[in-house]
């Protein structure tokens, strides 16, 4: 897929705007969230643009799985065995950038249910 011209995350992936990148793989980029909700709050995105997690899973299940694998690697590198992974799909649940992204949160106690 081609990058979307006005997509913030496509621009970070392309290196057009800076991001605090912590991991890159062939298909993913992981960078720190500017609005961190935990001591470790990293976004893991596919290099290709998909609007949300469901769209990515339908189009490329292997890359969808790679997001989780990349998040686990970031958590392990930061020294965390316990962490939370979150996808938001749609404005009603808080998605504000419409490029699939997986939130990795770690480093503080978290309650269930979230929110």
C-alpha atoms as a PDB file:
ATOM      1  CA  UNK A   1       0.000   0.000   0.000  1.00  0.00           C
ATOM      2  CA  UNK A   2       1.082   3.564  -0.602  1.00  0.00           C
ATOM      3  CA  UNK A   3       1.547   6.014   2.269  1.00  0.00           C
ATOM      4  CA  UNK A   4      -1.345   8.381   2.857  1.00  0.00           C
ATOM      5  CA  UNK A   5      -0.178  11.963   2.324  1.00  0.00           C
ATOM      6  CA  UNK A   6      -1.764  13.508   5.416  1.00  0.00           C
ATOM      7  CA  UNK A   7      -1.186  10.546   7.786  1.00  0.00           C
ATOM      8  CA  UNK A   8       0.984  11.391  10.802  1.00  0.00           C
ATOM      9  CA  UNK A   9       2.164   7.801  11.249  1.00  0.00           C
ATOM     10  CA  UNK A  10       3.001   7.367   7.552  1.00  0.00           C
ATOM     11  CA  UNK A  11       5.214  10.459   7.910  1.00  0.00           C
ATOM     12  CA  UNK A  12       6.966   9.014  10.976  1.00  0.00           C
ATOM     13  CA  UNK A  13       7.522   5.687   9.167  1.00  0.00           C
ATOM     14  CA  UNK A  14       8.939   7.561   6.155  1.00  0.00           C
ATOM     15  CA  UNK A  15      11.231   9.662   8.362  1.00  0.00           C
ATOM     16  CA  UNK A  16       9.549  12.894   7.237  1.00  0.00           C
ATOM     17  CA  UNK A  17       8.848  13.884  10.834  1.00  0.00           C
ATOM     18  CA  UNK A  18      10.765  12.733  13.913  1.00  0.00           C
ATOM     19  CA  UNK A  19       9.626   9.964  16.191  1.00  0.00           C
ATOM     20  CA  UNK A  20      11.372   8.400  19.178  1.00  0.00           C
ATOM     21  CA  UNK A  21      11.788   5.055  17.430  1.00  0.00           C
ATOM     22  CA  UNK A  22      12.613   2.097  19.670  1.00  0.00           C
ATOM     23  CA  UNK A  23      12.356  -0.786  17.176  1.00  0.00           C
ATOM     24  CA  UNK A  24      12.143  -1.246  13.424  1.00  0.00           C
ATOM     25  CA  UNK A  25      11.485  -4.459  11.537  1.00  0.00           C
ATOM     26  CA  UNK A  26      10.896  -5.119   7.872  1.00  0.00           C
ATOM     27  CA  UNK A  27       7.150  -4.531   8.315  1.00  0.00           C
ATOM     28  CA  UNK A  28       6.791  -2.526  11.551  1.00  0.00           C
ATOM     29  CA  UNK A  29       7.996   0.582  13.350  1.00  0.00           C
ATOM     30  CA  UNK A  30       7.673   1.111  17.106  1.00  0.00           C
ATOM     31  CA  UNK A  31       7.959   4.568  18.659  1.00  0.00           C
ATOM     32  CA  UNK A  32       7.182   6.244  21.973  1.00  0.00           C
ATOM     33  CA  UNK A  33       3.747   7.819  22.363  1.00  0.00           C
ATOM     34  CA  UNK A  34       3.994  11.588  22.931  1.00  0.00           C
ATOM     35  CA  UNK A  35       0.961  11.401  25.236  1.00  0.00           C
ATOM     36  CA  UNK A  36       2.263   8.547  27.399  1.00  0.00           C
ATOM     37  CA  UNK A  37      -0.236   6.869  29.708  1.00  0.00           C
ATOM     38  CA  UNK A  38       2.368   4.627  31.381  1.00  0.00           C
ATOM     39  CA  UNK A  39       6.124   4.724  31.979  1.00  0.00           C
ATOM     40  CA  UNK A  40       6.464   2.633  28.829  1.00  0.00           C
ATOM     41  CA  UNK A  41       3.912   3.621  26.195  1.00  0.00           C
ATOM     42  CA  UNK A  42       4.980   2.639  22.702  1.00  0.00           C
ATOM     43  CA  UNK A  43       2.966   2.575  19.487  1.00  0.00           C
ATOM     44  CA  UNK A  44       3.683  -0.246  17.062  1.00  0.00           C
ATOM     45  CA  UNK A  45       2.535   0.451  13.504  1.00  0.00           C
ATOM     46  CA  UNK A  46       2.749  -1.369  10.195  1.00  0.00           C
ATOM     47  CA  UNK A  47       4.939   0.326   7.594  1.00  0.00           C
ATOM     48  CA  UNK A  48       2.022   0.112   5.162  1.00  0.00           C
ATOM     49  CA  UNK A  49      -1.079   2.189   5.783  1.00  0.00           C
ATOM     50  CA  UNK A  50      -4.232   0.478   7.012  1.00  0.00           C
ATOM     51  CA  UNK A  51      -6.950   2.501   8.736  1.00  0.00           C
ATOM     52  CA  UNK A  52      -7.482   0.159  11.686  1.00  0.00           C
ATOM     53  CA  UNK A  53      -6.660  -3.234  13.181  1.00  0.00           C
ATOM     54  CA  UNK A  54      -9.525  -5.049  11.451  1.00  0.00           C
ATOM     55  CA  UNK A  55      -8.497  -3.711   8.047  1.00  0.00           C
ATOM     56  CA  UNK A  56      -4.888  -4.815   8.604  1.00  0.00           C
ATOM     57  CA  UNK A  57      -5.905  -8.272   9.858  1.00  0.00           C
ATOM     58  CA  UNK A  58      -8.098  -8.843   6.796  1.00  0.00           C
ATOM     59  CA  UNK A  59      -5.467  -7.618   4.325  1.00  0.00           C
ATOM     60  CA  UNK A  60      -2.262  -8.970   5.872  1.00  0.00           C
ATOM     61  CA  UNK A  61      -2.649 -11.343   8.843  1.00  0.00           C
ATOM     62  CA  UNK A  62       1.099 -11.969   9.028  1.00  0.00           C
ATOM     63  CA  UNK A  63       1.883  -8.288   9.560  1.00  0.00           C
ATOM     64  CA  UNK A  64      -0.976  -8.084  12.048  1.00  0.00           C
ATOM     65  CA  UNK A  65       0.740 -10.820  14.054  1.00  0.00           C
ATOM     66  CA  UNK A  66       4.111  -9.112  13.638  1.00  0.00           C
ATOM     67  CA  UNK A  67       2.779  -6.038  15.469  1.00  0.00           C
ATOM     68  CA  UNK A  68       2.230  -8.216  18.559  1.00  0.00           C
ATOM     69  CA  UNK A  69       5.642  -9.857  18.183  1.00  0.00           C
ATOM     70  CA  UNK A  70       7.321  -6.446  17.884  1.00  0.00           C
ATOM     71  CA  UNK A  71       5.444  -5.172  20.955  1.00  0.00           C
ATOM     72  CA  UNK A  72       6.594  -8.206  22.946  1.00  0.00           C
ATOM     73  CA  UNK A  73      10.193  -7.534  21.900  1.00  0.00           C
ATOM     74  CA  UNK A  74       9.947  -3.895  23.018  1.00  0.00           C
ATOM     75  CA  UNK A  75       8.447  -4.952  26.366  1.00  0.00           C
ATOM     76  CA  UNK A  76      11.184  -7.541  26.914  1.00  0.00           C
ATOM     77  CA  UNK A  77      13.912  -5.050  26.019  1.00  0.00           C
ATOM     78  CA  UNK A  78      12.429  -2.620  28.575  1.00  0.00           C
ATOM     79  CA  UNK A  79      12.433  -5.406  31.192  1.00  0.00           C
ATOM     80  CA  UNK A  80       8.695  -6.070  31.380  1.00  0.00           C
ATOM     81  CA  UNK A  81       7.028  -9.477  31.532  1.00  0.00           C
ATOM     82  CA  UNK A  82       3.657  -7.863  32.301  1.00  0.00           C
ATOM     83  CA  UNK A  83       2.217  -5.396  29.812  1.00  0.00           C
ATOM     84  CA  UNK A  84      -1.007  -4.409  28.103  1.00  0.00           C
ATOM     85  CA  UNK A  85      -1.679  -4.304  24.357  1.00  0.00           C
ATOM     86  CA  UNK A  86      -4.537  -2.132  23.084  1.00  0.00           C
ATOM     87  CA  UNK A  87      -6.037  -1.410  19.678  1.00  0.00           C
ATOM     88  CA  UNK A  88      -8.607   1.350  19.272  1.00  0.00           C
ATOM     89  CA  UNK A  89     -10.812   1.059  16.199  1.00  0.00           C
ATOM     90  CA  UNK A  90     -13.052   4.051  15.542  1.00  0.00           C
ATOM     91  CA  UNK A  91     -13.524   7.508  16.994  1.00  0.00           C
ATOM     92  CA  UNK A  92     -16.073   6.251  19.522  1.00  0.00           C
ATOM     93  CA  UNK A  93     -13.336   4.401  21.425  1.00  0.00           C
ATOM     94  CA  UNK A  94     -10.581   6.948  21.045  1.00  0.00           C
ATOM     95  CA  UNK A  95      -8.851   6.274  17.730  1.00  0.00           C
ATOM     96  CA  UNK A  96      -7.521   9.636  16.590  1.00  0.00           C
ATOM     97  CA  UNK A  97      -4.928   8.608  13.989  1.00  0.00           C
ATOM     98  CA  UNK A  98      -6.395   6.360  11.319  1.00  0.00           C
ATOM     99  CA  UNK A  99      -3.289   4.261  10.682  1.00  0.00           C
ATOM    100  CA  UNK A 100      -3.373   0.937  12.513  1.00  0.00           C
ATOM    101  CA  UNK A 101      -1.441   1.180  15.754  1.00  0.00           C
ATOM    102  CA  UNK A 102      -1.007  -1.104  18.713  1.00  0.00           C
ATOM    103  CA  UNK A 103      -0.448   0.549  22.097  1.00  0.00           C
ATOM    104  CA  UNK A 104       2.063  -1.194  24.364  1.00  0.00           C
ATOM    105  CA  UNK A 105       1.646  -0.030  27.975  1.00  0.00           C
ATOM    106  CA  UNK A 106       3.838  -1.174  30.854  1.00  0.00           C
ATOM    107  CA  UNK A 107       5.443  -0.028  34.054  1.00  0.00           C
ATOM    108  CA  UNK A 108       2.442   0.748  36.244  1.00  0.00           C
ATOM    109  CA  UNK A 109      -0.458  -1.173  37.779  1.00  0.00           C
ATOM    110  CA  UNK A 110      -3.480  -1.336  35.488  1.00  0.00           C
ATOM    111  CA  UNK A 111      -7.041  -2.136  36.381  1.00  0.00           C
ATOM    112  CA  UNK A 112      -9.658  -4.192  34.599  1.00  0.00           C
ATOM    113  CA  UNK A 113     -11.770  -3.197  32.884  1.00  0.00           C
ATOM    114  CA  UNK A 114      -9.718  -0.348  31.413  1.00  0.00           C
ATOM    115  CA  UNK A 115     -11.102   3.142  31.056  1.00  0.00           C
END
